[in-house]
PDB file of N, CA and C in Angstrom:
ATOM      1  N   MET A   1     -33.560  77.977 -32.650  1.00  0.00           N
ATOM      2  CA  MET A   1     -34.430  78.877 -31.903  1.00  0.00           C
ATOM      3  C   MET A   1     -33.700  80.069 -31.385  1.00  0.00           C
ATOM      4  N   ALA A   2     -32.680  80.506 -32.116  1.00  0.00           N
ATOM      5  CA  ALA A   2     -31.933  81.653 -31.720  1.00  0.00           C
ATOM      6  C   ALA A   2     -32.764  82.966 -31.904  1.00  0.00           C
ATOM      7  N   ASP A   3     -33.737  82.954 -32.785  1.00  0.00           N
ATOM      8  CA  ASP A   3     -34.509  84.142 -33.013  1.00  0.00           C
ATOM      9  C   ASP A   3     -35.742  84.244 -32.120  1.00  0.00           C
ATOM     10  N   GLU A   4     -35.827  83.377 -31.099  1.00  0.00           N
ATOM     11  CA  GLU A   4     -36.993  83.397 -30.190  1.00  0.00           C
ATOM     12  C   GLU A   4     -36.991  84.703 -29.440  1.00  0.00           C
ATOM     13  N   LYS A   5     -38.177  85.292 -29.336  1.00  0.00           N
ATOM     14  CA  LYS A   5     -38.328  86.622 -28.687  1.00  0.00           C
ATOM     15  C   LYS A   5     -38.122  86.482 -27.210  1.00  0.00           C
ATOM     16  N   ARG A   6     -37.340  87.381 -26.642  1.00  0.00           N
ATOM     17  CA  ARG A   6     -37.097  87.411 -25.171  1.00  0.00           C
ATOM     18  C   ARG A   6     -37.951  88.526 -24.569  1.00  0.00           C
ATOM     19  N   TYR A   7     -38.578  88.231 -23.455  1.00  0.00           N
ATOM     20  CA  TYR A   7     -39.406  89.182 -22.771  1.00  0.00           C
ATOM     21  C   TYR A   7     -38.671  89.704 -21.533  1.00  0.00           C
ATOM     22  N   PHE A   8     -39.287  90.745 -20.956  1.00  0.00           N
ATOM     23  CA  PHE A   8     -38.608  91.420 -19.822  1.00  0.00           C
ATOM     24  C   PHE A   8     -38.335  90.487 -18.659  1.00  0.00           C
ATOM     25  N   PHE A   9     -39.312  89.646 -18.309  1.00  0.00           N
ATOM     26  CA  PHE A   9     -39.169  88.782 -17.137  1.00  0.00           C
ATOM     27  C   PHE A   9     -38.432  87.483 -17.462  1.00  0.00           C
ATOM     28  N   ASP A  10     -37.934  87.293 -18.657  1.00  0.00           N
ATOM     29  CA  ASP A  10     -37.126  86.111 -18.988  1.00  0.00           C
ATOM     30  C   ASP A  10     -35.743  86.250 -18.366  1.00  0.00           C
ATOM     31  N   GLU A  11     -35.303  87.467 -18.082  1.00  0.00           N
ATOM     32  CA  GLU A  11     -33.986  87.702 -17.521  1.00  0.00           C
ATOM     33  C   GLU A  11     -34.098  87.661 -15.989  1.00  0.00           C
ATOM     34  N   PRO A  12     -33.334  86.797 -15.311  1.00  0.00           N
ATOM     35  CA  PRO A  12     -33.384  86.745 -13.849  1.00  0.00           C
ATOM     36  C   PRO A  12     -33.013  88.119 -13.236  1.00  0.00           C
ATOM     37  N   LYS A  13     -32.162  88.832 -13.855  1.00  0.00           N
ATOM     38  CA  LYS A  13     -31.762  90.171 -13.375  1.00  0.00           C
ATOM     39  C   LYS A  13     -32.917  91.124 -13.237  1.00  0.00           C
ATOM     40  N   ASN A  14     -33.850  91.035 -14.223  1.00  0.00           N
ATOM     41  CA  ASN A  14     -35.021  91.919 -14.244  1.00  0.00           C
ATOM     42  C   ASN A  14     -36.031  91.471 -13.141  1.00  0.00           C
ATOM     43  N   VAL A  15     -36.119  90.184 -12.963  1.00  0.00           N
ATOM     44  CA  VAL A  15     -37.047  89.694 -11.886  1.00  0.00           C
ATOM     45  C   VAL A  15     -36.533  90.170 -10.513  1.00  0.00           C
ATOM     46  N   ARG A  16     -35.206  90.058 -10.289  1.00  0.00           N
ATOM     47  CA  ARG A  16     -34.650  90.528  -9.058  1.00  0.00           C
ATOM     48  C   ARG A  16     -34.882  92.043  -8.886  1.00  0.00           C
ATOM     49  N   LEU A  17     -34.750  92.770  -9.971  1.00  0.00           N
ATOM     50  CA  LEU A  17     -34.985  94.220  -9.926  1.00  0.00           C
ATOM     51  C   LEU A  17     -36.406  94.573  -9.480  1.00  0.00           C
ATOM     52  N   VAL A  18     -37.371  93.869 -10.045  1.00  0.00           N
ATOM     53  CA  VAL A  18     -38.739  94.130  -9.704  1.00  0.00           C
ATOM     54  C   VAL A  18     -38.990  93.742  -8.205  1.00  0.00           C
ATOM     55  N   LEU A  19     -38.432  92.612  -7.756  1.00  0.00           N
ATOM     56  CA  LEU A  19     -38.595  92.214  -6.396  1.00  0.00           C
ATOM     57  C   LEU A  19     -37.960  93.179  -5.442  1.00  0.00           C
ATOM     58  N   TYR A  20     -36.787  93.691  -5.743  1.00  0.00           N
ATOM     59  CA  TYR A  20     -36.163  94.699  -4.897  1.00  0.00           C
ATOM     60  C   TYR A  20     -36.969  95.960  -4.879  1.00  0.00           C
ATOM     61  N   ALA A  21     -37.579  96.341  -6.002  1.00  0.00           N
ATOM     62  CA  ALA A  21     -38.435  97.557  -6.010  1.00  0.00           C
ATOM     63  C   ALA A  21     -39.676  97.315  -5.114  1.00  0.00           C
ATOM     64  N   LEU A  22     -40.239  96.113  -5.137  1.00  0.00           N
ATOM     65  CA  LEU A  22     -41.347  95.786  -4.284  1.00  0.00           C
ATOM     66  C   LEU A  22     -40.954  95.810  -2.821  1.00  0.00           C
ATOM     67  N   TYR A  23     -39.817  95.229  -2.466  1.00  0.00           N
ATOM     68  CA  TYR A  23     -39.342  95.266  -1.123  1.00  0.00           C
ATOM     69  C   TYR A  23     -39.078  96.699  -0.681  1.00  0.00           C
ATOM     70  N   GLY A  24     -38.517  97.513  -1.536  1.00  0.00           N
ATOM     71  CA  GLY A  24     -38.277  98.936  -1.249  1.00  0.00           C
ATOM     72  C   GLY A  24     -39.576  99.663  -0.960  1.00  0.00           C
ATOM     73  N   CYS A  25     -40.592  99.424  -1.778  1.00  0.00           N
ATOM     74  CA  CYS A  25     -41.887 100.061  -1.527  1.00  0.00           C
ATOM     75  C   CYS A  25     -42.493  99.657  -0.168  1.00  0.00           C
ATOM     76  N   CYS A  26     -42.396  98.371   0.127  1.00  0.00           N
ATOM     77  CA  CYS A  26     -42.929  97.875   1.415  1.00  0.00           C
ATOM     78  C   CYS A  26     -42.162  98.528   2.606  1.00  0.00           C
ATOM     79  N   ALA A  27     -40.838  98.611   2.470  1.00  0.00           N
ATOM     80  CA  ALA A  27     -40.032  99.199   3.559  1.00  0.00           C
ATOM     81  C   ALA A  27     -40.377 100.685   3.679  1.00  0.00           C
ATOM     82  N   PHE A  28     -40.553 101.378   2.569  1.00  0.00           N
ATOM     83  CA  PHE A  28     -40.877 102.797   2.585  1.00  0.00           C
ATOM     84  C   PHE A  28     -42.240 103.016   3.240  1.00  0.00           C
ATOM     85  N   LEU A  29     -43.231 102.210   2.908  1.00  0.00           N
ATOM     86  CA  LEU A  29     -44.550 102.352   3.510  1.00  0.00           C
ATOM     87  C   LEU A  29     -44.520 102.071   5.027  1.00  0.00           C
ATOM     88  N   LEU A  30     -43.717 101.117   5.407  1.00  0.00           N
ATOM     89  CA  LEU A  30     -43.599 100.783   6.834  1.00  0.00           C
ATOM     90  C   LEU A  30     -42.858 101.955   7.565  1.00  0.00           C
ATOM     91  N   LEU A  31     -41.881 102.529   6.896  1.00  0.00           N
ATOM     92  CA  LEU A  31     -41.163 103.662   7.478  1.00  0.00           C
ATOM     93  C   LEU A  31     -42.008 104.884   7.690  1.00  0.00           C
ATOM     94  N   ILE A  32     -42.858 105.200   6.682  1.00  0.00           N
ATOM     95  CA  ILE A  32     -43.668 106.433   6.864  1.00  0.00           C
ATOM     96  C   ILE A  32     -44.805 106.161   7.854  1.00  0.00           C
ATOM     97  N   ASP A  33     -45.011 104.912   8.213  1.00  0.00           N
ATOM     98  CA  ASP A  33     -46.031 104.626   9.266  1.00  0.00           C
ATOM     99  C   ASP A  33     -45.625 105.270  10.620  1.00  0.00           C
ATOM    100  N   PHE A  34     -44.331 105.529  10.771  1.00  0.00           N
ATOM    101  CA  PHE A  34     -43.862 106.196  12.027  1.00  0.00           C
ATOM    102  C   PHE A  34     -44.180 107.701  12.038  1.00  0.00           C
ATOM    103  N   PHE A  35     -44.335 108.293  10.831  1.00  0.00           N
ATOM    104  CA  PHE A  35     -44.379 109.713  10.728  1.00  0.00           C
ATOM    105  C   PHE A  35     -45.800 110.268  10.418  1.00  0.00           C
ATOM    106  N   ILE A  36     -46.697 109.477   9.916  1.00  0.00           N
ATOM    107  CA  ILE A  36     -47.991 110.018   9.527  1.00  0.00           C
ATOM    108  C   ILE A  36     -48.983 109.867  10.675  1.00  0.00           C
ATOM    109  N   HIS A  37     -49.901 110.750  10.739  1.00  0.00           N
ATOM    110  CA  HIS A  37     -50.960 110.680  11.745  1.00  0.00           C
ATOM    111  C   HIS A  37     -52.194 110.066  11.125  1.00  0.00           C
ATOM    112  N   ARG A  38     -52.656 108.965  11.702  1.00  0.00           N
ATOM    113  CA  ARG A  38     -53.847 108.302  11.240  1.00  0.00           C
ATOM    114  C   ARG A  38     -54.987 108.569  12.188  1.00  0.00           C
ATOM    115  N   HIS A  39     -56.157 108.725  11.653  1.00  0.00           N
ATOM    116  CA  HIS A  39     -57.386 108.890  12.430  1.00  0.00           C
ATOM    117  C   HIS A  39     -57.993 107.473  12.615  1.00  0.00           C
ATOM    118  N   VAL A  40     -57.691 106.904  13.782  1.00  0.00           N
ATOM    119  CA  VAL A  40     -58.094 105.512  13.995  1.00  0.00           C
ATOM    120  C   VAL A  40     -59.363 105.451  14.846  1.00  0.00           C
ATOM    121  N   ILE A  41     -60.045 104.375  14.677  1.00  0.00           N
ATOM    122  CA  ILE A  41     -61.274 104.115  15.408  1.00  0.00           C
ATOM    123  C   ILE A  41     -61.047 103.133  16.550  1.00  0.00           C
ATOM    124  N   HIS A  42     -60.302 102.053  16.225  1.00  0.00           N
ATOM    125  CA  HIS A  42     -59.978 101.064  17.191  1.00  0.00           C
ATOM    126  C   HIS A  42     -58.499 101.143  17.600  1.00  0.00           C
ATOM    127  N   ASN A  43     -58.226 100.732  18.833  1.00  0.00           N
ATOM    128  CA  ASN A  43     -56.868 100.854  19.345  1.00  0.00           C
ATOM    129  C   ASN A  43     -55.861 100.020  18.623  1.00  0.00           C
ATOM    130  N   TRP A  44     -56.286  98.818  18.096  1.00  0.00           N
ATOM    131  CA  TRP A  44     -55.313  97.988  17.416  1.00  0.00           C
ATOM    132  C   TRP A  44     -54.857  98.594  16.124  1.00  0.00           C
ATOM    133  N   GLU A  45     -55.557  99.583  15.602  1.00  0.00           N
ATOM    134  CA  GLU A  45     -55.110 100.267  14.367  1.00  0.00           C
ATOM    135  C   GLU A  45     -53.874 101.136  14.650  1.00  0.00           C
ATOM    136  N   ARG A  46     -53.580 101.424  15.889  1.00  0.00           N
ATOM    137  CA  ARG A  46     -52.435 102.194  16.242  1.00  0.00           C
ATOM    138  C   ARG A  46     -51.093 101.409  16.134  1.00  0.00           C
ATOM    139  N   LEU A  47     -51.175 100.105  16.079  1.00  0.00           N
ATOM    140  CA  LEU A  47     -49.969  99.277  15.996  1.00  0.00           C
ATOM    141  C   LEU A  47     -49.207  99.578  14.741  1.00  0.00           C
ATOM    142  N   ILE A  48     -47.887  99.617  14.820  1.00  0.00           N
ATOM    143  CA  ILE A  48     -47.024  99.873  13.682  1.00  0.00           C
ATOM    144  C   ILE A  48     -47.126  98.670  12.743  1.00  0.00           C
ATOM    145  N   GLY A  49     -47.474  98.931  11.484  1.00  0.00           N
ATOM    146  CA  GLY A  49     -47.554  97.868  10.493  1.00  0.00           C
ATOM    147  C   GLY A  49     -48.876  97.062  10.595  1.00  0.00           C
ATOM    148  N   PHE A  50     -49.835  97.593  11.282  1.00  0.00           N
ATOM    149  CA  PHE A  50     -51.112  96.862  11.466  1.00  0.00           C
ATOM    150  C   PHE A  50     -51.743  96.552  10.095  1.00  0.00           C
ATOM    151  N   TYR A  51     -51.781  97.502   9.212  1.00  0.00           N
ATOM    152  CA  TYR A  51     -52.486  97.247   7.951  1.00  0.00           C
ATOM    153  C   TYR A  51     -51.724  96.242   7.074  1.00  0.00           C
ATOM    154  N   ALA A  52     -50.430  96.223   7.153  1.00  0.00           N
ATOM    155  CA  ALA A  52     -49.630  95.230   6.428  1.00  0.00           C
ATOM    156  C   ALA A  52     -49.896  93.850   6.973  1.00  0.00           C
ATOM    157  N   ILE A  53     -49.899  93.711   8.304  1.00  0.00           N
ATOM    158  CA  ILE A  53     -50.154  92.414   8.910  1.00  0.00           C
ATOM    159  C   ILE A  53     -51.619  91.955   8.595  1.00  0.00           C
ATOM    160  N   TYR A  54     -52.529  92.891   8.764  1.00  0.00           N
ATOM    161  CA  TYR A  54     -53.940  92.627   8.480  1.00  0.00           C
ATOM    162  C   TYR A  54     -54.133  92.158   7.036  1.00  0.00           C
ATOM    163  N   GLY A  55     -53.492  92.847   6.096  1.00  0.00           N
ATOM    164  CA  GLY A  55     -53.625  92.501   4.692  1.00  0.00           C
ATOM    165  C   GLY A  55     -52.996  91.113   4.404  1.00  0.00           C
ATOM    166  N   PHE A  56     -51.908  90.818   5.038  1.00  0.00           N
ATOM    167  CA  PHE A  56     -51.270  89.481   4.815  1.00  0.00           C
ATOM    168  C   PHE A  56     -52.178  88.364   5.321  1.00  0.00           C
ATOM    169  N   VAL A  57     -52.700  88.550   6.546  1.00  0.00           N
ATOM    170  CA  VAL A  57     -53.586  87.532   7.168  1.00  0.00           C
ATOM    171  C   VAL A  57     -54.833  87.312   6.376  1.00  0.00           C
ATOM    172  N   VAL A  58     -55.450  88.414   5.918  1.00  0.00           N
ATOM    173  CA  VAL A  58     -56.676  88.276   5.142  1.00  0.00           C
ATOM    174  C   VAL A  58     -56.407  87.641   3.784  1.00  0.00           C
ATOM    175  N   CYS A  59     -55.317  88.004   3.147  1.00  0.00           N
ATOM    176  CA  CYS A  59     -54.980  87.432   1.863  1.00  0.00           C
ATOM    177  C   CYS A  59     -54.727  85.896   2.015  1.00  0.00           C
ATOM    178  N   THR A  60     -54.048  85.523   3.119  1.00  0.00           N
ATOM    179  CA  THR A  60     -53.799  84.102   3.390  1.00  0.00           C
ATOM    180  C   THR A  60     -55.118  83.340   3.568  1.00  0.00           C
ATOM    181  N   PHE A  61     -56.065  83.924   4.313  1.00  0.00           N
ATOM    182  CA  PHE A  61     -57.378  83.281   4.486  1.00  0.00           C
ATOM    183  C   PHE A  61     -58.106  83.167   3.158  1.00  0.00           C
ATOM    184  N   ILE A  62     -57.982  84.190   2.283  1.00  0.00           N
ATOM    185  CA  ILE A  62     -58.669  84.083   0.996  1.00  0.00           C
ATOM    186  C   ILE A  62     -58.129  82.946   0.161  1.00  0.00           C
ATOM    187  N   VAL A  63     -56.796  82.829   0.174  1.00  0.00           N
ATOM    188  CA  VAL A  63     -56.163  81.745  -0.586  1.00  0.00           C
ATOM    189  C   VAL A  63     -56.572  80.395  -0.047  1.00  0.00           C
ATOM    190  N   LEU A  64     -56.523  80.205   1.283  1.00  0.00           N
ATOM    191  CA  LEU A  64     -56.878  78.948   1.860  1.00  0.00           C
ATOM    192  C   LEU A  64     -58.369  78.639   1.646  1.00  0.00           C
ATOM    193  N   GLY A  65     -59.206  79.670   1.746  1.00  0.00           N
ATOM    194  CA  GLY A  65     -60.643  79.504   1.506  1.00  0.00           C
ATOM    195  C   GLY A  65     -60.898  79.080   0.065  1.00  0.00           C
ATOM    196  N   ALA A  66     -60.152  79.654  -0.859  1.00  0.00           N
ATOM    197  CA  ALA A  66     -60.309  79.296  -2.258  1.00  0.00           C
ATOM    198  C   ALA A  66     -59.900  77.853  -2.527  1.00  0.00           C
ATOM    199  N   LYS A  67     -58.878  77.393  -1.826  1.00  0.00           N
ATOM    200  CA  LYS A  67     -58.485  76.013  -1.982  1.00  0.00           C
ATOM    201  C   LYS A  67     -59.584  75.058  -1.505  1.00  0.00           C
ATOM    202  N   VAL A  68     -60.268  75.398  -0.402  1.00  0.00           N
ATOM    203  CA  VAL A  68     -61.329  74.552   0.124  1.00  0.00           C
ATOM    204  C   VAL A  68     -62.540  74.649  -0.811  1.00  0.00           C
ATOM    205  N   LEU A  69     -62.804  75.838  -1.277  1.00  0.00           N
ATOM    206  CA  LEU A  69     -63.973  76.039  -2.181  1.00  0.00           C
ATOM    207  C   LEU A  69     -63.746  75.295  -3.494  1.00  0.00           C
ATOM    208  N   ARG A  70     -62.510  75.224  -3.935  1.00  0.00           N
ATOM    209  CA  ARG A  70     -62.195  74.484  -5.205  1.00  0.00           C
ATOM    210  C   ARG A  70     -62.543  73.017  -5.097  1.00  0.00           C
ATOM    211  N   THR A  71     -62.345  72.423  -3.948  1.00  0.00           N
ATOM    212  CA  THR A  71     -62.691  71.003  -3.810  1.00  0.00           C
ATOM    213  C   THR A  71     -64.169  70.793  -3.850  1.00  0.00           C
ATOM    214  N   VAL A  72     -64.931  71.808  -3.426  1.00  0.00           N
ATOM    215  CA  VAL A  72     -66.395  71.683  -3.413  1.00  0.00           C
ATOM    216  C   VAL A  72     -66.956  71.936  -4.818  1.00  0.00           C
ATOM    217  N   LEU A  73     -66.460  72.902  -5.557  1.00  0.00           N
ATOM    218  CA  LEU A  73     -66.988  73.308  -6.802  1.00  0.00           C
ATOM    219  C   LEU A  73     -66.339  72.641  -8.055  1.00  0.00           C
ATOM    220  N   MET A  74     -65.266  71.973  -7.852  1.00  0.00           N
ATOM    221  CA  MET A  74     -64.497  71.429  -9.036  1.00  0.00           C
ATOM    222  C   MET A  74     -65.287  70.347  -9.743  1.00  0.00           C
ATOM    223  N   ARG A  75     -65.277  70.359 -11.032  1.00  0.00           N
ATOM    224  CA  ARG A  75     -65.916  69.394 -11.882  1.00  0.00           C
ATOM    225  C   ARG A  75     -64.818  68.563 -12.568  1.00  0.00           C
ATOM    226  N   GLY A  76     -65.192  67.346 -12.979  1.00  0.00           N
ATOM    227  CA  GLY A  76     -64.257  66.522 -13.699  1.00  0.00           C
ATOM    228  C   GLY A  76     -63.938  67.058 -15.045  1.00  0.00           C
ATOM    229  N   GLU A  77     -62.816  66.596 -15.676  1.00  0.00           N
ATOM    230  CA  GLU A  77     -62.399  67.115 -16.974  1.00  0.00           C
ATOM    231  C   GLU A  77     -63.428  66.847 -18.045  1.00  0.00           C
ATOM    232  N   ASP A  78     -64.201  65.716 -17.943  1.00  0.00           N
ATOM    233  CA  ASP A  78     -65.110  65.386 -18.939  1.00  0.00           C
ATOM    234  C   ASP A  78     -66.567  65.711 -18.572  1.00  0.00           C
ATOM    235  N   TYR A  79     -66.718  66.695 -17.718  1.00  0.00           N
ATOM    236  CA  TYR A  79     -68.050  67.060 -17.217  1.00  0.00           C
ATOM    237  C   TYR A  79     -68.972  67.431 -18.344  1.00  0.00           C
ATOM    238  N   TYR A  80     -68.602  68.280 -19.235  1.00  0.00           N
ATOM    239  CA  TYR A  80     -69.482  68.689 -20.340  1.00  0.00           C
ATOM    240  C   TYR A  80     -69.647  67.620 -21.394  1.00  0.00           C
ATOM    241  N   LYS A  81     -68.634  66.834 -21.600  1.00  0.00           N
ATOM    242  CA  LYS A  81     -68.725  65.740 -22.557  1.00  0.00           C
ATOM    243  C   LYS A  81     -69.704  64.672 -22.078  1.00  0.00           C
ATOM    244  N   ARG A  82     -69.722  64.469 -20.766  1.00  0.00           N
ATOM    245  CA  ARG A  82     -70.720  63.463 -20.202  1.00  0.00           C
ATOM    246  C   ARG A  82     -72.108  63.980 -20.407  1.00  0.00           C
ATOM    247  N   GLU A  83     -72.355  65.262 -20.215  1.00  0.00           N
ATOM    248  CA  GLU A  83     -73.687  65.811 -20.466  1.00  0.00           C
ATOM    249  C   GLU A  83     -74.066  65.662 -21.976  1.00  0.00           C
ATOM    250  N   GLU A  84     -73.148  65.898 -22.862  1.00  0.00           N
ATOM    251  CA  GLU A  84     -73.418  65.755 -24.302  1.00  0.00           C
ATOM    252  C   GLU A  84     -73.789  64.280 -24.626  1.00  0.00           C
ATOM    253  N   ARG A  85     -72.957  63.359 -24.099  1.00  0.00           N
ATOM    254  CA  ARG A  85     -73.256  61.956 -24.313  1.00  0.00           C
ATOM    255  C   ARG A  85     -74.599  61.559 -23.806  1.00  0.00           C
ATOM    256  N   GLN A  86     -74.937  62.013 -22.638  1.00  0.00           N
ATOM    257  CA  GLN A  86     -76.219  61.708 -22.017  1.00  0.00           C
ATOM    258  C   GLN A  86     -77.369  62.293 -22.783  1.00  0.00           C
ATOM    259  N   ALA A  87     -77.183  63.496 -23.321  1.00  0.00           N
ATOM    260  CA  ALA A  87     -78.223  64.162 -24.138  1.00  0.00           C
ATOM    261  C   ALA A  87     -78.429  63.370 -25.456  1.00  0.00           C
ATOM    262  N   LYS A  88     -77.339  62.900 -26.058  1.00  0.00           N
ATOM    263  CA  LYS A  88     -77.413  62.149 -27.306  1.00  0.00           C
ATOM    264  C   LYS A  88     -78.170  60.826 -27.089  1.00  0.00           C
ATOM    265  N   THR A  89     -77.884  60.153 -25.984  1.00  0.00           N
ATOM    266  CA  THR A  89     -78.589  58.880 -25.754  1.00  0.00           C
ATOM    267  C   THR A  89     -80.042  59.123 -25.429  1.00  0.00           C
ATOM    268  N   ASN A  90     -80.430  60.230 -24.885  1.00  0.00           N
ATOM    269  CA  ASN A  90     -81.794  60.527 -24.558  1.00  0.00           C
ATOM    270  C   ASN A  90     -82.601  61.154 -25.689  1.00  0.00           C
ATOM    271  N   GLU A  91     -81.918  61.446 -26.812  1.00  0.00           N
ATOM    272  CA  GLU A  91     -82.606  62.135 -27.924  1.00  0.00           C
ATOM    273  C   GLU A  91     -83.765  61.313 -28.514  1.00  0.00           C
ATOM    274  N   GLY A  92     -83.550  60.004 -28.710  1.00  0.00           N
ATOM    275  CA  GLY A  92     -84.600  59.230 -29.397  1.00  0.00           C
ATOM    276  C   GLY A  92     -85.660  58.754 -28.461  1.00  0.00           C
ATOM    277  N   ARG A  93     -85.577  59.026 -27.212  1.00  0.00           N
ATOM    278  CA  ARG A  93     -86.586  58.567 -26.235  1.00  0.00           C
ATOM    279  C   ARG A  93     -87.753  59.558 -26.156  1.00  0.00           C
ATOM    280  N   GLU A  94     -88.887  59.065 -25.871  1.00  0.00           N
ATOM    281  CA  GLU A  94     -90.050  59.914 -25.632  1.00  0.00           C
ATOM    282  C   GLU A  94     -90.017  60.368 -24.198  1.00  0.00           C
ATOM    283  N   PRO A  95     -90.599  61.522 -23.886  1.00  0.00           N
ATOM    284  CA  PRO A  95     -90.717  61.931 -22.479  1.00  0.00           C
ATOM    285  C   PRO A  95     -91.500  60.919 -21.706  1.00  0.00           C
ATOM    286  N   GLY A  96     -91.072  60.553 -20.546  1.00  0.00           N
ATOM    287  CA  GLY A  96     -91.733  59.601 -19.724  1.00  0.00           C
ATOM    288  C   GLY A  96     -91.184  58.169 -19.898  1.00  0.00           C
ATOM    289  N   ASP A  97     -90.367  57.917 -20.914  1.00  0.00           N
ATOM    290  CA  ASP A  97     -89.751  56.611 -21.084  1.00  0.00           C
ATOM    291  C   ASP A  97     -88.658  56.422 -20.055  1.00  0.00           C
ATOM    292  N   ALA A  98     -88.471  55.235 -19.618  1.00  0.00           N
ATOM    293  CA  ALA A  98     -87.460  54.958 -18.621  1.00  0.00           C
ATOM    294  C   ALA A  98     -86.193  54.388 -19.240  1.00  0.00           C
TER     295      ALA A  98
END
């Protein structure tokens, strides 16, 4: 398997490079928060890093909500096969038969 194709993210060095770029962007955006003037409506929007904190909290709630929703909506692995089997057993019956 020496000829197996290598992709960009197969190298740990490249993964670290992308993570450092992401951290750099986050630091830059937090830094310019000190220098830009925002037109705010509510006082809590004046907090430094408010939108970063708000985004993190909301994203966390979305993930946790999706985990709860998954338990409600999840079907078994054989969900469709069960329906097929049930339809096949009901094929020969007349409507109204028990």
